[in-house]
N, C-alpha and C. Protein backbone atom coordinates (compact mmCIF):
# COMPACT_ATOMS: atom_id res chain seq x y z
N MET A 1 -41.08 24.23 -112.44
CA MET A 1 -42.21 24.56 -113.26
C MET A 1 -41.80 25.60 -114.31
N THR A 2 -42.16 25.40 -115.53
CA THR A 2 -41.81 26.27 -116.64
C THR A 2 -43.03 27.08 -117.03
N ASN A 3 -42.76 28.40 -117.31
CA ASN A 3 -43.85 29.27 -117.75
C ASN A 3 -43.90 29.25 -119.27
N TYR A 4 -44.86 28.60 -119.79
CA TYR A 4 -45.06 28.57 -121.23
C TYR A 4 -46.16 29.56 -121.57
N LEU A 5 -46.03 30.19 -122.78
CA LEU A 5 -47.07 31.10 -123.24
C LEU A 5 -48.23 30.31 -123.82
N THR A 6 -49.36 30.73 -123.43
CA THR A 6 -50.55 30.12 -124.03
C THR A 6 -50.85 30.84 -125.32
N SER A 7 -51.77 30.28 -126.05
CA SER A 7 -52.16 30.86 -127.33
C SER A 7 -52.74 32.25 -127.12
N ASP A 8 -53.54 32.43 -126.07
CA ASP A 8 -54.13 33.74 -125.80
C ASP A 8 -53.05 34.75 -125.40
N ASP A 9 -52.09 34.32 -124.60
CA ASP A 9 -51.00 35.21 -124.21
C ASP A 9 -50.18 35.63 -125.43
N PHE A 10 -49.95 34.70 -126.33
CA PHE A 10 -49.20 34.99 -127.54
C PHE A 10 -49.95 35.99 -128.42
N LYS A 11 -51.26 35.79 -128.57
CA LYS A 11 -52.08 36.72 -129.38
C LYS A 11 -52.06 38.12 -128.76
N LYS A 12 -52.16 38.17 -127.44
CA LYS A 12 -52.15 39.46 -126.75
C LYS A 12 -50.79 40.15 -126.96
N ALA A 13 -49.69 39.41 -126.84
CA ALA A 13 -48.35 39.97 -127.04
C ALA A 13 -48.18 40.44 -128.47
N MET A 14 -48.67 39.69 -129.44
CA MET A 14 -48.56 40.10 -130.84
C MET A 14 -49.39 41.34 -131.13
N THR A 15 -50.56 41.43 -130.51
CA THR A 15 -51.40 42.62 -130.67
C THR A 15 -50.68 43.84 -130.11
N ASP A 16 -50.06 43.65 -128.94
CA ASP A 16 -49.31 44.73 -128.32
C ASP A 16 -48.13 45.15 -129.21
N ILE A 17 -47.45 44.18 -129.77
CA ILE A 17 -46.32 44.47 -130.67
C ILE A 17 -46.83 45.20 -131.92
N ASP A 18 -47.96 44.77 -132.47
CA ASP A 18 -48.52 45.43 -133.64
C ASP A 18 -48.88 46.89 -133.34
N ASN A 19 -49.48 47.11 -132.16
CA ASN A 19 -49.84 48.48 -131.77
C ASN A 19 -48.59 49.36 -131.64
N ARG A 20 -47.56 48.80 -131.03
CA ARG A 20 -46.32 49.56 -130.90
C ARG A 20 -45.71 49.85 -132.27
N PHE A 21 -45.75 48.87 -133.14
CA PHE A 21 -45.20 49.04 -134.48
C PHE A 21 -45.94 50.13 -135.25
N VAL A 22 -47.26 50.20 -135.08
CA VAL A 22 -48.06 51.24 -135.75
C VAL A 22 -47.64 52.62 -135.23
N ARG A 23 -47.39 52.73 -133.91
CA ARG A 23 -46.95 54.02 -133.35
C ARG A 23 -45.57 54.41 -133.87
N VAL A 24 -44.69 53.44 -134.01
CA VAL A 24 -43.34 53.72 -134.54
C VAL A 24 -43.44 54.18 -135.99
N GLU A 25 -44.27 53.52 -136.78
CA GLU A 25 -44.44 53.92 -138.18
C GLU A 25 -45.02 55.33 -138.27
N ALA A 26 -45.95 55.66 -137.37
CA ALA A 26 -46.53 57.00 -137.38
C ALA A 26 -45.45 58.04 -137.07
N ARG A 27 -44.54 57.73 -136.15
CA ARG A 27 -43.45 58.66 -135.80
C ARG A 27 -42.45 58.79 -136.95
N LEU A 28 -42.23 57.68 -137.68
CA LEU A 28 -41.29 57.73 -138.78
C LEU A 28 -41.75 58.67 -139.88
N GLU A 29 -43.05 58.80 -140.04
CA GLU A 29 -43.57 59.73 -141.05
C GLU A 29 -43.26 61.17 -140.68
N GLN A 30 -43.08 61.45 -139.40
CA GLN A 30 -42.82 62.81 -138.94
C GLN A 30 -41.33 63.15 -138.93
N THR A 31 -40.48 62.16 -139.02
CA THR A 31 -39.04 62.43 -138.95
C THR A 31 -38.52 62.95 -140.27
N ALA A 32 -37.41 63.65 -140.19
CA ALA A 32 -36.81 64.25 -141.39
C ALA A 32 -36.03 63.21 -142.18
N THR A 33 -36.07 63.41 -143.48
CA THR A 33 -35.28 62.53 -144.35
C THR A 33 -33.90 63.17 -144.57
N LYS A 34 -33.04 62.46 -145.24
CA LYS A 34 -31.70 62.98 -145.51
C LYS A 34 -31.78 64.25 -146.36
N VAL A 35 -32.71 64.29 -147.30
CA VAL A 35 -32.89 65.47 -148.15
C VAL A 35 -33.34 66.66 -147.31
N ASP A 36 -34.26 66.41 -146.37
CA ASP A 36 -34.71 67.49 -145.49
C ASP A 36 -33.56 68.05 -144.67
N VAL A 37 -32.75 67.18 -144.13
CA VAL A 37 -31.61 67.61 -143.31
C VAL A 37 -30.63 68.42 -144.15
N GLU A 38 -30.37 67.98 -145.37
CA GLU A 38 -29.44 68.70 -146.25
C GLU A 38 -29.97 70.09 -146.61
N SER A 39 -31.29 70.19 -146.86
CA SER A 39 -31.85 71.50 -147.22
C SER A 39 -31.79 72.45 -146.02
N VAL A 40 -32.05 71.95 -144.83
CA VAL A 40 -31.95 72.79 -143.63
C VAL A 40 -30.50 73.21 -143.41
N LYS A 41 -29.60 72.29 -143.65
CA LYS A 41 -28.17 72.59 -143.50
C LYS A 41 -27.76 73.71 -144.47
N ALA A 42 -28.24 73.65 -145.71
CA ALA A 42 -27.92 74.67 -146.70
C ALA A 42 -28.50 76.02 -146.30
N GLU A 43 -29.72 76.03 -145.78
CA GLU A 43 -30.35 77.27 -145.35
C GLU A 43 -29.59 77.89 -144.18
N VAL A 44 -29.18 77.07 -143.24
CA VAL A 44 -28.43 77.57 -142.08
C VAL A 44 -27.10 78.15 -142.54
N HIS A 45 -26.43 77.48 -143.48
CA HIS A 45 -25.17 78.00 -144.00
C HIS A 45 -25.39 79.34 -144.69
N LYS A 46 -26.46 79.46 -145.45
CA LYS A 46 -26.77 80.72 -146.14
C LYS A 46 -27.04 81.82 -145.13
N MET A 47 -27.81 81.52 -144.09
CA MET A 47 -28.10 82.51 -143.06
C MET A 47 -26.83 82.90 -142.32
N ASP A 48 -25.95 81.93 -142.09
CA ASP A 48 -24.69 82.21 -141.40
C ASP A 48 -23.85 83.19 -142.22
N ALA A 49 -23.78 82.98 -143.52
CA ALA A 49 -23.03 83.89 -144.38
C ALA A 49 -23.66 85.28 -144.38
N SER A 50 -24.98 85.33 -144.39
CA SER A 50 -25.67 86.62 -144.36
C SER A 50 -25.41 87.35 -143.05
N ILE A 51 -25.43 86.61 -141.95
CA ILE A 51 -25.17 87.23 -140.64
C ILE A 51 -23.75 87.75 -140.59
N LYS A 52 -22.79 86.99 -141.13
CA LYS A 52 -21.40 87.46 -141.14
C LYS A 52 -21.27 88.75 -141.95
N THR A 53 -21.97 88.82 -143.08
CA THR A 53 -21.91 90.02 -143.91
C THR A 53 -22.47 91.22 -143.15
N TRP A 54 -23.62 91.04 -142.51
CA TRP A 54 -24.22 92.14 -141.75
C TRP A 54 -23.34 92.55 -140.58
N MET A 55 -22.73 91.60 -139.91
CA MET A 55 -21.85 91.92 -138.79
C MET A 55 -20.65 92.75 -139.27
N LEU A 56 -20.05 92.33 -140.38
CA LEU A 56 -18.91 93.07 -140.92
C LEU A 56 -19.32 94.49 -141.31
N ALA A 57 -20.45 94.62 -141.98
CA ALA A 57 -20.93 95.94 -142.38
C ALA A 57 -21.21 96.81 -141.15
N THR A 58 -21.79 96.23 -140.11
CA THR A 58 -22.09 96.98 -138.90
C THR A 58 -20.81 97.44 -138.21
N VAL A 59 -19.83 96.55 -138.11
CA VAL A 59 -18.57 96.92 -137.47
C VAL A 59 -17.87 98.02 -138.25
N LEU A 60 -17.84 97.91 -139.56
CA LEU A 60 -17.21 98.95 -140.37
C LEU A 60 -17.94 100.28 -140.24
N THR A 61 -19.25 100.25 -140.16
CA THR A 61 -20.02 101.48 -139.98
C THR A 61 -19.72 102.11 -138.63
N ILE A 62 -19.65 101.31 -137.60
CA ILE A 62 -19.34 101.83 -136.27
C ILE A 62 -17.95 102.45 -136.24
N ILE A 63 -16.98 101.77 -136.83
CA ILE A 63 -15.62 102.30 -136.87
C ILE A 63 -15.57 103.61 -137.65
N GLY A 64 -16.24 103.66 -138.79
CA GLY A 64 -16.28 104.89 -139.59
C GLY A 64 -16.92 106.03 -138.84
N THR A 65 -18.01 105.75 -138.14
CA THR A 65 -18.69 106.79 -137.36
C THR A 65 -17.79 107.29 -136.24
N MET A 66 -17.11 106.36 -135.57
CA MET A 66 -16.21 106.77 -134.48
C MET A 66 -15.07 107.64 -135.02
N LEU A 67 -14.49 107.24 -136.14
CA LEU A 67 -13.40 108.04 -136.72
C LEU A 67 -13.90 109.43 -137.13
N ALA A 68 -15.09 109.51 -137.70
CA ALA A 68 -15.65 110.80 -138.08
C ALA A 68 -15.88 111.67 -136.84
N ALA A 69 -16.39 111.05 -135.77
CA ALA A 69 -16.62 111.81 -134.54
C ALA A 69 -15.30 112.29 -133.94
N ILE A 70 -14.30 111.43 -133.93
CA ILE A 70 -12.99 111.82 -133.39
C ILE A 70 -12.40 112.96 -134.23
N PHE A 71 -12.48 112.85 -135.55
CA PHE A 71 -11.96 113.90 -136.43
C PHE A 71 -12.72 115.20 -136.20
N GLY A 72 -14.05 115.10 -136.06
CA GLY A 72 -14.86 116.31 -135.83
C GLY A 72 -14.52 116.97 -134.50
N VAL A 73 -14.36 116.18 -133.46
CA VAL A 73 -14.01 116.74 -132.15
C VAL A 73 -12.62 117.35 -132.22
N ALA A 74 -11.69 116.71 -132.91
CA ALA A 74 -10.34 117.26 -133.03
C ALA A 74 -10.37 118.60 -133.77
N GLN A 75 -11.23 118.72 -134.76
CA GLN A 75 -11.34 119.98 -135.48
C GLN A 75 -11.93 121.08 -134.61
N VAL A 76 -12.87 120.72 -133.77
CA VAL A 76 -13.50 121.70 -132.89
C VAL A 76 -12.53 122.12 -131.79
N MET A 77 -11.72 121.20 -131.31
CA MET A 77 -10.84 121.47 -130.19
C MET A 77 -9.59 122.26 -130.58
N THR A 78 -9.19 122.23 -131.84
CA THR A 78 -8.00 122.98 -132.24
C THR A 78 -8.35 124.45 -132.26
N PRO A 79 -7.42 125.29 -131.77
CA PRO A 79 -7.72 126.73 -131.78
C PRO A 79 -7.82 127.24 -133.21
N ALA A 80 -8.66 128.22 -133.37
CA ALA A 80 -8.84 128.78 -134.71
C ALA A 80 -7.56 129.49 -135.11
N ALA A 81 -7.25 129.42 -136.37
CA ALA A 81 -6.06 130.09 -136.86
C ALA A 81 -6.25 131.59 -136.69
N THR A 82 -5.31 132.22 -136.00
CA THR A 82 -5.43 133.67 -135.78
C THR A 82 -4.93 134.38 -137.02
N ALA A 83 -5.60 135.46 -137.34
CA ALA A 83 -5.20 136.24 -138.50
C ALA A 83 -3.88 136.95 -138.17
N ALA A 84 -3.08 137.12 -139.16
CA ALA A 84 -1.80 137.82 -138.96
C ALA A 84 -2.12 139.24 -138.47
N PRO A 85 -1.36 139.71 -137.48
CA PRO A 85 -1.67 141.05 -136.97
C PRO A 85 -1.46 142.09 -138.08
N ALA A 86 -2.32 143.06 -138.05
CA ALA A 86 -2.25 144.11 -139.07
C ALA A 86 -0.95 144.89 -138.88
N ALA A 87 -0.40 145.31 -139.99
CA ALA A 87 0.83 146.09 -139.93
C ALA A 87 0.53 147.40 -139.20
N PRO A 88 1.43 147.80 -138.34
CA PRO A 88 1.16 149.07 -137.61
C PRO A 88 1.18 150.26 -138.57
N ILE A 89 0.42 151.22 -138.19
CA ILE A 89 0.36 152.45 -139.00
C ILE A 89 1.54 153.32 -138.60
N ILE A 90 2.35 153.67 -139.55
CA ILE A 90 3.52 154.50 -139.27
C ILE A 90 3.30 155.86 -139.93
N ILE A 91 3.38 156.86 -139.10
CA ILE A 91 3.23 158.24 -139.61
C ILE A 91 4.64 158.85 -139.62
N GLN A 92 5.07 159.26 -140.75
CA GLN A 92 6.40 159.88 -140.84
C GLN A 92 6.23 161.40 -140.90
N LEU A 93 6.88 161.98 -139.97
CA LEU A 93 6.85 163.44 -139.92
C LEU A 93 7.97 163.97 -140.80
N PRO A 94 7.73 165.14 -141.40
CA PRO A 94 8.81 165.70 -142.21
C PRO A 94 9.97 166.12 -141.30
N GLY A 95 11.12 166.14 -141.86
CA GLY A 95 12.30 166.53 -141.10
C GLY A 95 12.17 167.96 -140.56
N PRO A 96 13.12 168.38 -139.75
CA PRO A 96 13.02 169.73 -139.20
C PRO A 96 13.05 170.78 -140.32
N LEU A 97 12.27 171.77 -140.15
CA LEU A 97 12.19 172.84 -141.16
C LEU A 97 13.46 173.71 -141.03
N PRO A 98 13.96 174.16 -142.12
CA PRO A 98 15.12 175.04 -142.02
C PRO A 98 14.72 176.36 -141.34
N ALA A 99 15.65 176.92 -140.66
CA ALA A 99 15.36 178.18 -139.95
C ALA A 99 14.99 179.24 -140.96
N PRO A 100 14.04 180.00 -140.60
CA PRO A 100 13.62 181.03 -141.55
C PRO A 100 14.77 182.06 -141.74
N THR A 101 14.94 182.43 -142.90
CA THR A 101 15.96 183.43 -143.20
C THR A 101 15.31 184.80 -143.31
N THR A 102 16.03 185.76 -142.86
CA THR A 102 15.48 187.13 -142.96
C THR A 102 15.87 187.70 -144.33
N PRO A 103 15.04 188.46 -144.87
CA PRO A 103 15.34 188.98 -146.19
C PRO A 103 16.48 190.03 -146.13
N ALA A 104 17.33 190.07 -147.05
CA ALA A 104 18.44 191.02 -147.09
C ALA A 104 17.95 192.39 -147.55
N GLU A 105 18.46 193.32 -146.85
CA GLU A 105 18.03 194.65 -147.19
C GLU A 105 18.99 195.38 -147.99
């Protein structure tokens, strides 16, 4: 026995196919076109470049801050330069006085 489609079965199948086709067409309107994909791609590339720039700037800032902190700590940790000691005070006494002479009479 062979299962043949009747006219009513065929109409029902075609109606079902038409309904499915309408749903597919509705979904196609929501999908992105090639132009949409290219514009999103360009925006992502632009954002990627911007993120790279910010990352580089942030890393350089962190390195600069660390170097400044290390230099500052090194300056604080080095002993202060001591002033040269003052020259000692030297008092020179006069040489021995000659013995007093008695006056001649």
